[in-house]
Protein backbone atom coordinates (compact mmCIF):
# COMPACT_ATOMS: atom_id res chain seq x y z
CA MET A 1 65.61 14.25 -14.32
CA THR A 2 62.02 13.58 -14.57
CA THR A 3 60.62 10.38 -13.10
CA LEU A 4 57.63 8.73 -14.43
CA THR A 5 55.35 6.80 -12.09
CA LYS A 6 53.09 4.15 -13.48
CA VAL A 7 49.59 4.50 -12.18
CA ASN A 8 47.90 1.13 -11.50
CA HIS A 9 44.42 1.65 -13.05
CA ASP A 10 43.51 -1.95 -12.66
CA SER A 11 43.73 -1.83 -8.94
CA ASP A 12 41.71 1.49 -8.78
CA GLN A 13 38.99 -0.05 -11.07
CA HIS A 14 38.91 -3.08 -8.92
CA ALA A 15 38.51 -1.06 -5.71
CA ALA A 16 35.68 0.98 -7.34
CA GLU A 17 33.90 -2.24 -8.34
CA ASN A 18 34.18 -3.63 -4.72
CA HIS A 19 32.85 -0.51 -3.22
CA GLU A 20 29.35 -0.90 -2.03
CA HIS A 21 26.96 1.90 -2.20
CA ALA A 22 24.36 2.34 0.73
CA ASP A 23 20.87 1.10 -0.41
CA HIS A 24 18.47 4.06 0.04
CA ARG A 25 15.58 2.44 -1.77
CA LEU A 26 13.58 1.61 1.42
CA PHE A 27 14.17 5.19 2.65
CA GLY A 28 12.93 6.52 -0.59
CA LEU A 29 9.77 4.43 -0.37
CA ALA A 30 9.23 5.62 3.22
CA THR A 31 9.60 9.24 2.04
CA PHE A 32 7.07 8.73 -0.62
CA LEU A 33 4.49 6.92 1.85
CA VAL A 34 4.95 9.93 4.29
CA ALA A 35 4.13 12.36 1.38
CA ASP A 36 1.20 10.15 0.47
CA GLY A 37 0.02 10.00 3.81
CA MET A 38 -0.01 13.74 4.01
CA THR A 39 -2.52 13.81 1.14
CA PHE A 40 -4.73 11.51 3.05
CA ALA A 41 -4.30 13.66 6.10
CA GLY A 42 -5.24 16.77 4.19
CA PHE A 43 -8.58 15.06 3.32
CA PHE A 44 -9.25 13.97 6.87
CA VAL A 45 -8.30 17.19 8.39
CA ALA A 46 -10.42 19.28 5.86
CA TYR A 47 -13.51 17.10 6.39
CA LEU A 48 -13.24 17.10 10.17
CA THR A 49 -12.51 20.91 10.32
CA PHE A 50 -15.52 21.70 8.03
CA ARG A 51 -17.73 19.46 10.04
CA ALA A 52 -16.76 21.08 13.28
CA VAL A 53 -16.83 24.77 11.99
CA ASN A 54 -19.85 24.40 9.71
CA PRO A 55 -22.06 21.52 10.92
CA LEU A 56 -23.85 19.69 8.13
CA LEU A 57 -27.56 19.75 8.12
CA PRO A 58 -29.28 16.63 9.58
CA ASP A 59 -30.40 15.48 6.02
CA ALA A 60 -26.71 16.05 4.80
CA VAL A 61 -25.06 13.34 6.75
CA TYR A 62 -26.11 9.75 6.25
CA GLU A 63 -25.97 6.86 8.61
CA LEU A 64 -23.81 4.45 6.83
CA GLU A 65 -24.49 0.60 7.21
CA LEU A 66 -21.53 -1.13 8.82
CA PRO A 67 -21.51 -4.65 7.66
CA LEU A 68 -19.74 -4.04 4.42
CA PRO A 69 -17.22 -1.59 5.73
CA THR A 70 -16.48 -3.89 8.70
CA LEU A 71 -15.92 -6.94 6.33
CA ASN A 72 -13.62 -4.65 4.27
CA THR A 73 -11.78 -3.91 7.45
CA VAL A 74 -11.35 -7.54 8.24
CA LEU A 75 -10.24 -8.40 4.68
CA LEU A 76 -7.44 -5.78 4.72
CA LEU A 77 -6.30 -6.71 8.18
CA VAL A 78 -6.09 -10.38 7.31
CA SER A 79 -4.29 -9.47 4.00
CA SER A 80 -1.59 -7.78 6.10
CA ALA A 81 -1.12 -10.97 8.00
CA THR A 82 -1.02 -13.16 4.79
CA PHE A 83 1.60 -10.75 3.14
CA HIS A 84 3.76 -11.06 6.29
CA ARG A 85 3.55 -14.84 6.03
CA ALA A 86 4.70 -14.60 2.44
CA GLY A 87 7.70 -12.60 3.51
CA GLN A 88 8.53 -15.21 6.05
CA ALA A 89 8.32 -18.04 3.48
CA LEU A 90 10.63 -16.16 1.18
CA LYS A 91 13.26 -15.81 3.94
CA ARG A 92 13.08 -19.61 4.43
CA ASP A 93 13.49 -20.10 0.64
CA GLN A 94 10.11 -21.65 0.33
CA ALA A 95 9.13 -20.09 -3.02
CA GLU A 96 5.96 -22.04 -3.54
CA GLN A 97 4.61 -21.26 -0.08
CA CYS A 98 5.37 -17.57 -0.63
CA GLN A 99 3.53 -17.58 -3.95
CA ARG A 100 0.51 -19.15 -2.30
CA TRP A 101 0.37 -16.41 0.45
CA LEU A 102 0.92 -13.75 -2.16
CA LEU A 103 -1.92 -15.03 -4.23
CA LEU A 104 -4.15 -15.10 -1.13
CA THR A 105 -3.20 -11.58 -0.26
CA ALA A 106 -4.03 -10.32 -3.78
CA GLY A 107 -7.31 -12.16 -3.73
CA LEU A 108 -8.24 -10.46 -0.45
CA GLY A 109 -7.47 -7.16 -1.90
CA LEU A 110 -9.58 -7.73 -4.91
CA ALA A 111 -12.40 -8.89 -2.66
CA PHE A 112 -12.13 -5.58 -0.80
CA LEU A 113 -12.48 -3.73 -4.15
CA ALA A 114 -15.50 -5.91 -5.06
CA SER A 115 -17.11 -5.17 -1.71
CA GLN A 116 -16.42 -1.44 -2.06
CA MET A 117 -18.29 -1.45 -5.33
CA VAL A 118 -21.17 -3.17 -3.90
CA GLU A 119 -21.32 -0.50 -1.25
CA TYR A 120 -21.15 2.19 -3.95
CA PHE A 121 -24.20 0.81 -5.66
CA THR A 122 -26.33 0.64 -2.38
CA LEU A 123 -25.38 4.02 -0.92
CA PRO A 124 -28.40 6.46 -0.40
CA PHE A 125 -26.57 9.33 -1.96
CA GLY A 126 -24.62 10.27 -5.10
CA LEU A 127 -21.31 11.82 -5.77
CA THR A 128 -22.58 15.42 -6.08
CA ASP A 129 -25.40 15.41 -3.51
CA ASN A 130 -23.58 17.49 -0.91
CA LEU A 131 -19.97 18.09 0.70
CA TYR A 132 -20.30 14.91 2.69
CA ALA A 133 -21.08 12.82 -0.28
CA SER A 134 -18.36 14.27 -2.34
CA THR A 135 -15.75 13.87 0.28
CA PHE A 136 -16.75 10.34 0.90
CA TYR A 137 -16.44 9.30 -2.63
CA ALA A 138 -13.17 11.30 -3.05
CA VAL A 139 -11.45 9.72 -0.09
CA THR A 140 -12.71 6.18 -0.53
CA GLY A 141 -12.16 6.33 -4.23
CA PHE A 142 -8.52 7.57 -3.72
CA HIS A 143 -8.00 4.75 -1.28
CA GLY A 144 -9.40 2.20 -3.62
CA LEU A 145 -6.95 3.44 -6.21
CA HIS A 146 -4.24 2.63 -3.75
CA VAL A 147 -5.62 -0.82 -3.11
CA THR A 148 -5.85 -1.45 -6.83
CA LEU A 149 -2.20 -0.43 -7.42
CA GLY A 150 -1.23 -2.54 -4.32
CA ALA A 151 -3.00 -5.73 -5.72
CA LEU A 152 -1.13 -5.21 -9.08
CA MET A 153 2.09 -4.85 -7.26
CA ILE A 154 1.45 -8.10 -5.32
CA LEU A 155 0.72 -9.95 -8.59
CA ILE A 156 3.93 -8.62 -10.09
CA VAL A 157 5.84 -9.76 -6.98
CA TRP A 158 4.12 -13.21 -7.19
CA TRP A 159 5.26 -13.67 -10.77
CA GLN A 160 8.73 -12.60 -10.08
CA SER A 161 9.04 -14.93 -6.90
CA ARG A 162 8.25 -18.02 -8.96
CA SER A 163 10.64 -20.77 -8.08
CA SER A 164 12.26 -21.31 -11.50
CA GLY A 165 13.87 -18.12 -12.90
CA GLY A 166 12.34 -15.66 -10.44
CA ARG A 167 14.20 -12.54 -9.50
CA ILE A 168 12.79 -12.20 -6.06
CA THR A 169 14.53 -14.55 -3.67
CA SER A 170 15.75 -14.65 -0.08
CA GLN A 171 18.92 -12.89 -1.43
CA ASN A 172 16.98 -10.21 -3.20
CA PRO A 173 13.82 -9.65 -1.04
CA PHE A 174 13.54 -5.93 -1.46
CA PRO A 175 10.73 -5.86 -4.11
CA LEU A 176 8.53 -8.05 -1.89
CA GLU A 177 9.51 -5.99 1.26
CA ALA A 178 8.68 -2.66 -0.59
CA ALA A 179 5.30 -3.98 -1.83
CA GLU A 180 4.59 -5.20 1.81
CA LEU A 181 5.39 -1.95 3.35
CA TYR A 182 3.10 -0.08 0.92
CA TRP A 183 0.32 -2.60 1.58
CA HIS A 184 0.54 -2.13 5.31
CA PHE A 185 0.42 1.61 4.71
CA VAL A 186 -2.79 1.14 2.67
CA ASP A 187 -4.39 -1.04 5.33
CA GLY A 188 -3.56 1.60 8.07
CA ILE A 189 -5.05 4.39 6.02
CA TRP A 190 -8.30 2.31 5.82
CA VAL A 191 -8.53 1.77 9.51
CA ILE A 192 -8.29 5.66 10.00
CA LEU A 193 -10.84 6.23 7.20
CA PHE A 194 -13.19 3.67 8.59
CA ILE A 195 -13.13 5.35 12.09
CA ILE A 196 -13.66 8.87 10.71
CA PHE A 197 -16.40 8.19 8.11
CA TYR A 198 -18.25 5.11 9.61
CA LEU A 199 -17.85 5.50 13.33
CA LEU A 200 -17.71 9.01 14.28
């Protein structure tokens, strides 16, 4: 005699719904930043290697002015601090305070870009003058693109963290945390760039 066993599909479905998958988004972002960092590392290593193996002629390397790049460094370092303050405010459910810090961070990023453009218009060389000039514009321009994208992300996070109807809250902080990690990465790359091109 054959016995039929009733399968409880409802309990299986309930168990599947309650099963929580591990959140690998931050790992994915970190992986992307490592790959992106390798691109910058390639620029830096290529420039330093060529400079060591084939020294540039005296008139092919320019002594860059330090005031604007130093200002840019300060702007980005301060922006990292203000972004951190935004994250702390979000954890305390202080949406308005978080938004103020985010706007200040975005403003500092845009100020960096404006200062970078001023420097471009006052440099004593052009994009195609020599290898040093081409490398300088390529690396700083690539970094400037990252700052632009970062500033846009900050503004998006600012909009989504608004107190009424915002999707970024202390219960869902990942978008802000992801943007903050990216911004710290961009700031760190600038410090390395500043040392290699302006101080060495």
